[in-house]
Structures are given as C-alpha cells and as structure tokens.
Amino acid sequence: MYAAGYGIEPWRATRTGGFRQVRRAALVLGAVVMFSLGLAVAARGGPPPAETTVVVQPGDTLWSIASEHYPADDVRVRVDDIEQANDLAGPVIQVGQRLRLPG
C-alpha cells in the first residue's frame, strides 16, 4: 500500500552514477593522495644533513674517506660526489687538504 496525504512524497531511487558519486570518488582520491604525500615526507626524514668537512690524514684515500663516512652507500658513487664537490680532476688528494663531503 502507498502512503498518501499532505507532505508525503513517494520514495524515488537516485540516478545511478551521477554527480554525487563523482564528487565522492574525487574526495576519496584526494584523501589518498594527501595521505601518501604525508607518508612520503615522514619517510624522507627531516632536512638534509649539512655538508661536512674533513682534513686528509696520512694514508687516507677518497675511497677510504667515502667508505668511512657513507657506509650504507655505493662507495664509487660517493667518491665521484666528493670529487665533484671539491672540483677535483681525479682521485689524488694531499695530506692536510680540506675536503667537503656532500650530505
């Protein structure tokens, strides 16, 4: 039986799809993107570490300095980074020389 009377309207199903579902999907997608960016920032950590300076000691090589200061990284890449940061033409360094170590 149907209800009839003043102010009573029959129930109607909303259209399938429609603007509401698109808006809801956009909100969910936006929330997922913001959450992902938050996790990425948290995983990266704080600001990059400051540049460090070392003084070359007798017996030091770029390889030994790179392996000591960057134990988790590829030493070959870090040797190149140190060469570039100090404008070195090759791996030759002198005792007492100051080297900048990039972060």
C-alpha atoms as a PDB file:
ATOM      1  CA  MET A   1       0.000   0.000   0.000  1.00  0.00           C
ATOM      2  CA  TYR A   2       1.095   3.540  -0.653  1.00  0.00           C
ATOM      3  CA  ALA A   3       1.044   6.346   1.853  1.00  0.00           C
ATOM      4  CA  ALA A   4      -0.993   9.307   0.827  1.00  0.00           C
ATOM      5  CA  GLY A   5      -1.530  12.640   2.427  1.00  0.00           C
ATOM      6  CA  TYR A   6      -0.179  16.119   2.843  1.00  0.00           C
ATOM      7  CA  GLY A   7       3.669  16.353   2.662  1.00  0.00           C
ATOM      8  CA  ILE A   8       4.193  12.671   1.949  1.00  0.00           C
ATOM      9  CA  GLU A   9       6.057  12.031  -1.259  1.00  0.00           C
ATOM     10  CA  PRO A  10       6.800   8.675  -2.798  1.00  0.00           C
ATOM     11  CA  TRP A  11      10.332   7.402  -2.407  1.00  0.00           C
ATOM     12  CA  ARG A  12      12.374   7.666  -5.582  1.00  0.00           C
ATOM     13  CA  ALA A  13      15.672   5.972  -6.261  1.00  0.00           C
ATOM     14  CA  THR A  14      18.516   8.302  -7.178  1.00  0.00           C
ATOM     15  CA  ARG A  15      20.051   8.040 -10.574  1.00  0.00           C
ATOM     16  CA  THR A  16      22.887   5.565 -10.802  1.00  0.00           C
ATOM     17  CA  GLY A  17      26.220   7.305 -11.192  1.00  0.00           C
ATOM     18  CA  GLY A  18      25.564  10.992 -11.088  1.00  0.00           C
ATOM     19  CA  PHE A  19      27.437  13.928  -9.664  1.00  0.00           C
ATOM     20  CA  ARG A  20      27.378  12.727  -6.048  1.00  0.00           C
ATOM     21  CA  GLN A  21      29.362   9.608  -6.803  1.00  0.00           C
ATOM     22  CA  VAL A  22      31.892  11.511  -8.900  1.00  0.00           C
ATOM     23  CA  ARG A  23      32.339  14.046  -6.101  1.00  0.00           C
ATOM     24  CA  ARG A  24      32.674  11.288  -3.516  1.00  0.00           C
ATOM     25  CA  ALA A  25      35.283   9.466  -5.642  1.00  0.00           C
ATOM     26  CA  ALA A  26      37.230  12.717  -6.077  1.00  0.00           C
ATOM     27  CA  LEU A  27      37.224  13.307  -2.315  1.00  0.00           C
ATOM     28  CA  VAL A  28      38.427   9.776  -1.608  1.00  0.00           C
ATOM     29  CA  LEU A  29      41.155  10.082  -4.245  1.00  0.00           C
ATOM     30  CA  GLY A  30      42.255  13.432  -2.786  1.00  0.00           C
ATOM     31  CA  ALA A  31      42.412  11.950   0.711  1.00  0.00           C
ATOM     32  CA  VAL A  32      44.517   9.021  -0.524  1.00  0.00           C
ATOM     33  CA  VAL A  33      46.933  11.373  -2.321  1.00  0.00           C
ATOM     34  CA  MET A  34      47.308  13.605   0.743  1.00  0.00           C
ATOM     35  CA  PHE A  35      47.886  10.578   2.983  1.00  0.00           C
ATOM     36  CA  SER A  36      50.517   9.234   0.573  1.00  0.00           C
ATOM     37  CA  LEU A  37      52.328  12.566   0.462  1.00  0.00           C
ATOM     38  CA  GLY A  38      52.324  12.699   4.242  1.00  0.00           C
ATOM     39  CA  LEU A  39      53.893   9.245   4.424  1.00  0.00           C
ATOM     40  CA  ALA A  40      56.497  10.201   1.825  1.00  0.00           C
ATOM     41  CA  VAL A  41      57.509  13.304   3.778  1.00  0.00           C
ATOM     42  CA  ALA A  42      57.685  11.317   7.016  1.00  0.00           C
ATOM     43  CA  ALA A  43      59.780   8.570   5.406  1.00  0.00           C
ATOM     44  CA  ARG A  44      62.233  11.064   3.959  1.00  0.00           C
ATOM     45  CA  GLY A  45      63.016  12.413   7.391  1.00  0.00           C
ATOM     46  CA  GLY A  46      63.967  15.926   8.260  1.00  0.00           C
ATOM     47  CA  PRO A  47      66.041  18.412   6.349  1.00  0.00           C
ATOM     48  CA  PRO A  48      69.114  17.137   4.512  1.00  0.00           C
ATOM     49  CA  PRO A  49      72.251  16.937   6.634  1.00  0.00           C
ATOM     50  CA  ALA A  50      74.696  19.815   6.399  1.00  0.00           C
ATOM     51  CA  GLU A  51      77.876  19.476   4.417  1.00  0.00           C
ATOM     52  CA  THR A  52      80.753  18.045   6.455  1.00  0.00           C
ATOM     53  CA  THR A  53      84.419  18.949   6.138  1.00  0.00           C
ATOM     54  CA  VAL A  54      87.285  16.522   6.749  1.00  0.00           C
ATOM     55  CA  VAL A  55      91.042  17.045   6.779  1.00  0.00           C
ATOM     56  CA  VAL A  56      93.026  14.452   4.858  1.00  0.00           C
ATOM     57  CA  GLN A  57      95.289  12.386   7.144  1.00  0.00           C
ATOM     58  CA  PRO A  58      98.329  10.316   6.106  1.00  0.00           C
ATOM     59  CA  GLY A  59      97.153   7.128   4.381  1.00  0.00           C
ATOM     60  CA  ASP A  60      93.704   8.496   3.520  1.00  0.00           C
ATOM     61  CA  THR A  61      92.275   7.981   0.059  1.00  0.00           C
ATOM     62  CA  LEU A  62      88.984   9.154  -1.398  1.00  0.00           C
ATOM     63  CA  TRP A  63      87.841   5.540  -1.256  1.00  0.00           C
ATOM     64  CA  SER A  64      88.626   5.186   2.467  1.00  0.00           C
ATOM     65  CA  ILE A  65      87.014   8.534   3.300  1.00  0.00           C
ATOM     66  CA  ALA A  66      83.871   7.684   1.310  1.00  0.00           C
ATOM     67  CA  SER A  67      83.562   4.203   2.821  1.00  0.00           C
ATOM     68  CA  GLU A  68      84.033   5.575   6.348  1.00  0.00           C
ATOM     69  CA  HIS A  69      81.522   8.420   6.067  1.00  0.00           C
ATOM     70  CA  TYR A  70      78.925   6.680   3.852  1.00  0.00           C
ATOM     71  CA  PRO A  71      78.898   3.006   4.934  1.00  0.00           C
ATOM     72  CA  ALA A  72      75.426   2.267   3.524  1.00  0.00           C
ATOM     73  CA  ASP A  73      76.017   3.828   0.090  1.00  0.00           C
ATOM     74  CA  ASP A  74      77.819   2.741  -3.052  1.00  0.00           C
ATOM     75  CA  VAL A  75      81.395   3.901  -2.465  1.00  0.00           C
ATOM     76  CA  ARG A  76      82.066   4.511  -6.178  1.00  0.00           C
ATOM     77  CA  VAL A  77      79.200   6.987  -6.386  1.00  0.00           C
ATOM     78  CA  ARG A  78      80.286   8.747  -3.203  1.00  0.00           C
ATOM     79  CA  VAL A  79      83.895   9.069  -4.445  1.00  0.00           C
ATOM     80  CA  ASP A  80      82.517  10.813  -7.549  1.00  0.00           C
ATOM     81  CA  ASP A  81      80.340  13.040  -5.335  1.00  0.00           C
ATOM     82  CA  ILE A  82      83.365  14.071  -3.255  1.00  0.00           C
ATOM     83  CA  GLU A  83      85.412  14.766  -6.396  1.00  0.00           C
ATOM     84  CA  GLN A  84      82.639  16.965  -7.806  1.00  0.00           C
ATOM     85  CA  ALA A  85      82.015  18.801  -4.519  1.00  0.00           C
ATOM     86  CA  ASN A  86      85.723  19.708  -4.290  1.00  0.00           C
ATOM     87  CA  ASP A  87      86.375  20.334  -8.013  1.00  0.00           C
ATOM     88  CA  LEU A  88      88.980  17.559  -8.140  1.00  0.00           C
ATOM     89  CA  ALA A  89      90.199  16.354 -11.541  1.00  0.00           C
ATOM     90  CA  GLY A  90      90.918  12.879 -10.169  1.00  0.00           C
ATOM     91  CA  PRO A  91      91.324  10.844  -7.007  1.00  0.00           C
ATOM     92  CA  VAL A  92      94.635  12.462  -5.981  1.00  0.00           C
ATOM     93  CA  ILE A  93      94.486  14.216  -2.598  1.00  0.00           C
ATOM     94  CA  GLN A  94      97.163  15.693  -0.316  1.00  0.00           C
ATOM     95  CA  VAL A  95      97.721  15.322   3.437  1.00  0.00           C
ATOM     96  CA  GLY A  96      96.222  18.345   5.226  1.00  0.00           C
ATOM     97  CA  GLN A  97      93.808  19.108   2.394  1.00  0.00           C
ATOM     98  CA  ARG A  98      90.258  20.018   3.462  1.00  0.00           C
ATOM     99  CA  LEU A  99      87.529  18.101   1.664  1.00  0.00           C
ATOM    100  CA  ARG A 100      83.827  18.914   1.670  1.00  0.00           C
ATOM    101  CA  LEU A 101      81.642  15.838   1.989  1.00  0.00           C
ATOM    102  CA  PRO A 102      78.194  16.313   0.452  1.00  0.00           C
ATOM    103  CA  GLY A 103      75.149  15.297   2.534  1.00  0.00           C
END
